[in-house]
Amino acid sequence: MPAGTVDASVDDEWSFAQTLRHLVMATDTWLGRAVLGLDQPYHPLGQPHAE
């Protein structure tokens, strides 16, 4: 990817980086919390849906 496109947002949608961070958060929620039952399953890079 060209420099700067990872953080570019198009039509008010999440950028590529934000999307990957949200997938980290979703995986932590599903696997870490629901499946493994961890009390603190979230990685610091994860990004919650904040609407």
PDB file of N, CA and C in Angstrom:
ATOM      1  N   MET A   1       0.837  -1.174   0.000  1.00  0.00           N
ATOM      2  CA  MET A   1       0.000   0.000   0.000  1.00  0.00           C
ATOM      3  C   MET A   1       0.888   1.245   0.000  1.00  0.00           C
ATOM      4  N   PRO A   2       0.474   2.268  -0.689  1.00  0.00           N
ATOM      5  CA  PRO A   2       1.227   3.522  -0.643  1.00  0.00           C
ATOM      6  C   PRO A   2       1.203   4.113   0.770  1.00  0.00           C
ATOM      7  N   ALA A   3       2.219   4.869   1.084  1.00  0.00           N
ATOM      8  CA  ALA A   3       2.318   5.495   2.412  1.00  0.00           C
ATOM      9  C   ALA A   3       1.076   6.347   2.696  1.00  0.00           C
ATOM     10  N   GLY A   4       0.547   6.216   3.902  1.00  0.00           N
ATOM     11  CA  GLY A   4      -0.591   7.012   4.333  1.00  0.00           C
ATOM     12  C   GLY A   4      -1.951   6.404   4.037  1.00  0.00           C
ATOM     13  N   THR A   5      -2.021   5.388   3.201  1.00  0.00           N
ATOM     14  CA  THR A   5      -3.329   4.824   2.867  1.00  0.00           C
ATOM     15  C   THR A   5      -3.878   3.908   3.959  1.00  0.00           C
ATOM     16  N   VAL A   6      -3.024   3.420   4.812  1.00  0.00           N
ATOM     17  CA  VAL A   6      -3.486   2.546   5.903  1.00  0.00           C
ATOM     18  C   VAL A   6      -4.429   3.303   6.834  1.00  0.00           C
ATOM     19  N   ASP A   7      -4.179   4.582   7.025  1.00  0.00           N
ATOM     20  CA  ASP A   7      -4.997   5.391   7.926  1.00  0.00           C
ATOM     21  C   ASP A   7      -6.021   6.256   7.200  1.00  0.00           C
ATOM     22  N   ALA A   8      -6.159   6.097   5.895  1.00  0.00           N
ATOM     23  CA  ALA A   8      -7.114   6.897   5.125  1.00  0.00           C
ATOM     24  C   ALA A   8      -8.523   6.332   5.285  1.00  0.00           C
ATOM     25  N   SER A   9      -9.485   7.222   5.450  1.00  0.00           N
ATOM     26  CA  SER A   9     -10.882   6.851   5.569  1.00  0.00           C
ATOM     27  C   SER A   9     -11.611   7.294   4.299  1.00  0.00           C
ATOM     28  N   VAL A  10     -12.509   6.453   3.792  1.00  0.00           N
ATOM     29  CA  VAL A  10     -13.265   6.760   2.588  1.00  0.00           C
ATOM     30  C   VAL A  10     -14.750   6.742   2.923  1.00  0.00           C
ATOM     31  N   ASP A  11     -15.475   7.783   2.547  1.00  0.00           N
ATOM     32  CA  ASP A  11     -16.924   7.877   2.770  1.00  0.00           C
ATOM     33  C   ASP A  11     -17.304   7.659   4.234  1.00  0.00           C
ATOM     34  N   ASP A  12     -16.547   8.239   5.135  1.00  0.00           N
ATOM     35  CA  ASP A  12     -16.803   8.142   6.581  1.00  0.00           C
ATOM     36  C   ASP A  12     -16.777   6.717   7.121  1.00  0.00           C
ATOM     37  N   GLU A  13     -16.141   5.803   6.400  1.00  0.00           N
ATOM     38  CA  GLU A  13     -15.968   4.433   6.880  1.00  0.00           C
ATOM     39  C   GLU A  13     -14.629   4.334   7.605  1.00  0.00           C
ATOM     40  N   TRP A  14     -14.429   3.241   8.341  1.00  0.00           N
ATOM     41  CA  TRP A  14     -13.181   3.037   9.058  1.00  0.00           C
ATOM     42  C   TRP A  14     -12.032   2.842   8.076  1.00  0.00           C
ATOM     43  N   SER A  15     -10.863   3.245   8.508  1.00  0.00           N
ATOM     44  CA  SER A  15      -9.654   3.005   7.716  1.00  0.00           C
ATOM     45  C   SER A  15      -9.266   1.530   7.831  1.00  0.00           C
ATOM     46  N   PHE A  16      -8.290   1.134   7.035  1.00  0.00           N
ATOM     47  CA  PHE A  16      -7.780  -0.237   7.079  1.00  0.00           C
ATOM     48  C   PHE A  16      -7.248  -0.566   8.476  1.00  0.00           C
ATOM     49  N   ALA A  17      -6.494   0.359   9.062  1.00  0.00           N
ATOM     50  CA  ALA A  17      -5.924   0.135  10.398  1.00  0.00           C
ATOM     51  C   ALA A  17      -7.026   0.014  11.446  1.00  0.00           C
ATOM     52  N   GLN A  18      -8.038   0.874  11.373  1.00  0.00           N
ATOM     53  CA  GLN A  18      -9.142   0.808  12.337  1.00  0.00           C
ATOM     54  C   GLN A  18      -9.909  -0.506  12.199  1.00  0.00           C
ATOM     55  N   THR A  19     -10.088  -0.964  10.966  1.00  0.00           N
ATOM     56  CA  THR A  19     -10.787  -2.229  10.733  1.00  0.00           C
ATOM     57  C   THR A  19     -10.016  -3.390  11.348  1.00  0.00           C
ATOM     58  N   LEU A  20      -8.704  -3.434  11.150  1.00  0.00           N
ATOM     59  CA  LEU A  20      -7.903  -4.500  11.747  1.00  0.00           C
ATOM     60  C   LEU A  20      -7.948  -4.452  13.268  1.00  0.00           C
ATOM     61  N   ARG A  21      -7.896  -3.233  13.834  1.00  0.00           N
ATOM     62  CA  ARG A  21      -7.960  -3.104  15.292  1.00  0.00           C
ATOM     63  C   ARG A  21      -9.319  -3.569  15.820  1.00  0.00           C
ATOM     64  N   HIS A  22     -10.382  -3.322  15.069  1.00  0.00           N
ATOM     65  CA  HIS A  22     -11.707  -3.779  15.477  1.00  0.00           C
ATOM     66  C   HIS A  22     -11.791  -5.309  15.416  1.00  0.00           C
ATOM     67  N   LEU A  23     -11.155  -5.921  14.417  1.00  0.00           N
ATOM     68  CA  LEU A  23     -11.128  -7.381  14.333  1.00  0.00           C
ATOM     69  C   LEU A  23     -10.373  -7.993  15.510  1.00  0.00           C
ATOM     70  N   VAL A  24      -9.331  -7.322  15.980  1.00  0.00           N
ATOM     71  CA  VAL A  24      -8.612  -7.770  17.185  1.00  0.00           C
ATOM     72  C   VAL A  24      -9.573  -7.746  18.370  1.00  0.00           C
ATOM     73  N   MET A  25     -10.327  -6.663  18.504  1.00  0.00           N
ATOM     74  CA  MET A  25     -11.274  -6.527  19.619  1.00  0.00           C
ATOM     75  C   MET A  25     -12.378  -7.591  19.534  1.00  0.00           C
ATOM     76  N   ALA A  26     -12.904  -7.826  18.339  1.00  0.00           N
ATOM     77  CA  ALA A  26     -13.962  -8.828  18.175  1.00  0.00           C
ATOM     78  C   ALA A  26     -13.451 -10.233  18.494  1.00  0.00           C
ATOM     79  N   THR A  27     -12.235 -10.532  18.073  1.00  0.00           N
ATOM     80  CA  THR A  27     -11.641 -11.836  18.369  1.00  0.00           C
ATOM     81  C   THR A  27     -11.399 -11.990  19.863  1.00  0.00           C
ATOM     82  N   ASP A  28     -10.904 -10.943  20.502  1.00  0.00           N
ATOM     83  CA  ASP A  28     -10.699 -10.986  21.951  1.00  0.00           C
ATOM     84  C   ASP A  28     -12.009 -11.226  22.685  1.00  0.00           C
ATOM     85  N   THR A  29     -13.075 -10.562  22.232  1.00  0.00           N
ATOM     86  CA  THR A  29     -14.378 -10.713  22.874  1.00  0.00           C
ATOM     87  C   THR A  29     -14.896 -12.132  22.702  1.00  0.00           C
ATOM     88  N   TRP A  30     -14.853 -12.639  21.470  1.00  0.00           N
ATOM     89  CA  TRP A  30     -15.404 -13.959  21.208  1.00  0.00           C
ATOM     90  C   TRP A  30     -14.550 -15.063  21.814  1.00  0.00           C
ATOM     91  N   LEU A  31     -13.262 -15.059  21.514  1.00  0.00           N
ATOM     92  CA  LEU A  31     -12.407 -16.146  21.971  1.00  0.00           C
ATOM     93  C   LEU A  31     -11.993 -15.981  23.430  1.00  0.00           C
ATOM     94  N   GLY A  32     -11.481 -14.811  23.766  1.00  0.00           N
ATOM     95  CA  GLY A  32     -10.965 -14.598  25.114  1.00  0.00           C
ATOM     96  C   GLY A  32     -12.023 -14.593  26.194  1.00  0.00           C
ATOM     97  N   ARG A  33     -13.123 -13.911  25.916  1.00  0.00           N
ATOM     98  CA  ARG A  33     -14.153 -13.791  26.940  1.00  0.00           C
ATOM     99  C   ARG A  33     -15.155 -14.939  26.872  1.00  0.00           C
ATOM    100  N   ALA A  34     -15.766 -15.136  25.708  1.00  0.00           N
ATOM    101  CA  ALA A  34     -16.850 -16.118  25.597  1.00  0.00           C
ATOM    102  C   ALA A  34     -16.352 -17.565  25.660  1.00  0.00           C
ATOM    103  N   VAL A  35     -15.277 -17.876  24.953  1.00  0.00           N
ATOM    104  CA  VAL A  35     -14.820 -19.259  24.882  1.00  0.00           C
ATOM    105  C   VAL A  35     -13.900 -19.610  26.058  1.00  0.00           C
ATOM    106  N   LEU A  36     -12.903 -18.771  26.302  1.00  0.00           N
ATOM    107  CA  LEU A  36     -11.923 -19.083  27.343  1.00  0.00           C
ATOM    108  C   LEU A  36     -12.311 -18.565  28.727  1.00  0.00           C
ATOM    109  N   GLY A  37     -13.257 -17.626  28.779  1.00  0.00           N
ATOM    110  CA  GLY A  37     -13.727 -17.109  30.059  1.00  0.00           C
ATOM    111  C   GLY A  37     -12.724 -16.236  30.795  1.00  0.00           C
ATOM    112  N   LEU A  38     -11.844 -15.560  30.059  1.00  0.00           N
ATOM    113  CA  LEU A  38     -10.847 -14.695  30.686  1.00  0.00           C
ATOM    114  C   LEU A  38     -11.495 -13.429  31.235  1.00  0.00           C
ATOM    115  N   ASP A  39     -11.026 -12.955  32.384  1.00  0.00           N
ATOM    116  CA  ASP A  39     -11.557 -11.721  32.966  1.00  0.00           C
ATOM    117  C   ASP A  39     -11.101 -10.486  32.198  1.00  0.00           C
ATOM    118  N   GLN A  40      -9.872 -10.497  31.728  1.00  0.00           N
ATOM    119  CA  GLN A  40      -9.304  -9.369  30.984  1.00  0.00           C
ATOM    120  C   GLN A  40      -8.802  -9.858  29.625  1.00  0.00           C
ATOM    121  N   PRO A  41      -9.703 -10.101  28.660  1.00  0.00           N
ATOM    122  CA  PRO A  41      -9.282 -10.708  27.404  1.00  0.00           C
ATOM    123  C   PRO A  41      -8.769  -9.721  26.356  1.00  0.00           C
ATOM    124  N   TYR A  42      -8.836  -8.421  26.626  1.00  0.00           N
ATOM    125  CA  TYR A  42      -8.609  -7.434  25.570  1.00  0.00           C
ATOM    126  C   TYR A  42      -7.157  -7.011  25.415  1.00  0.00           C
ATOM    127  N   HIS A  43      -6.684  -7.063  24.170  1.00  0.00           N
ATOM    128  CA  HIS A  43      -5.353  -6.591  23.813  1.00  0.00           C
ATOM    129  C   HIS A  43      -5.401  -5.066  23.701  1.00  0.00           C
ATOM    130  N   PRO A  44      -4.341  -4.351  24.075  1.00  0.00           N
ATOM    131  CA  PRO A  44      -4.340  -2.887  24.017  1.00  0.00           C
ATOM    132  C   PRO A  44      -4.538  -2.318  22.616  1.00  0.00           C
ATOM    133  N   LEU A  45      -4.247  -3.079  21.572  1.00  0.00           N
ATOM    134  CA  LEU A  45      -4.437  -2.568  20.214  1.00  0.00           C
ATOM    135  C   LEU A  45      -5.880  -2.658  19.735  1.00  0.00           C
ATOM    136  N   GLY A  46      -6.711  -3.397  20.419  1.00  0.00           N
ATOM    137  CA  GLY A  46      -8.088  -3.550  20.002  1.00  0.00           C
ATOM    138  C   GLY A  46      -8.858  -2.242  20.059  1.00  0.00           C
ATOM    139  N   GLN A  47      -9.799  -2.072  19.118  1.00  0.00           N
ATOM    140  CA  GLN A  47     -10.604  -0.859  19.062  1.00  0.00           C
ATOM    141  C   GLN A  47     -12.079  -1.236  19.119  1.00  0.00           C
ATOM    142  N   PRO A  48     -12.787  -0.764  20.144  1.00  0.00           N
ATOM    143  CA  PRO A  48     -14.212  -1.082  20.232  1.00  0.00           C
ATOM    144  C   PRO A  48     -15.041  -0.259  19.242  1.00  0.00           C
ATOM    145  N   HIS A  49     -16.224  -0.729  18.958  1.00  0.00           N
ATOM    146  CA  HIS A  49     -17.183   0.024  18.146  1.00  0.00           C
ATOM    147  C   HIS A  49     -17.744   1.111  19.043  1.00  0.00           C
ATOM    148  N   ALA A  50     -17.559   2.371  18.686  1.00  0.00           N
ATOM    149  CA  ALA A  50     -17.865   3.467  19.612  1.00  0.00           C
ATOM    150  C   ALA A  50     -19.010   4.369  19.160  1.00  0.00           C
ATOM    151  N   GLU A  51     -19.996   3.838  18.470  1.00  0.00           N
ATOM    152  CA  GLU A  51     -21.124   4.673  18.061  1.00  0.00           C
ATOM    153  C   GLU A  51     -22.187   4.687  19.117  1.00  0.00           C
TER     154      GLU A  51
END
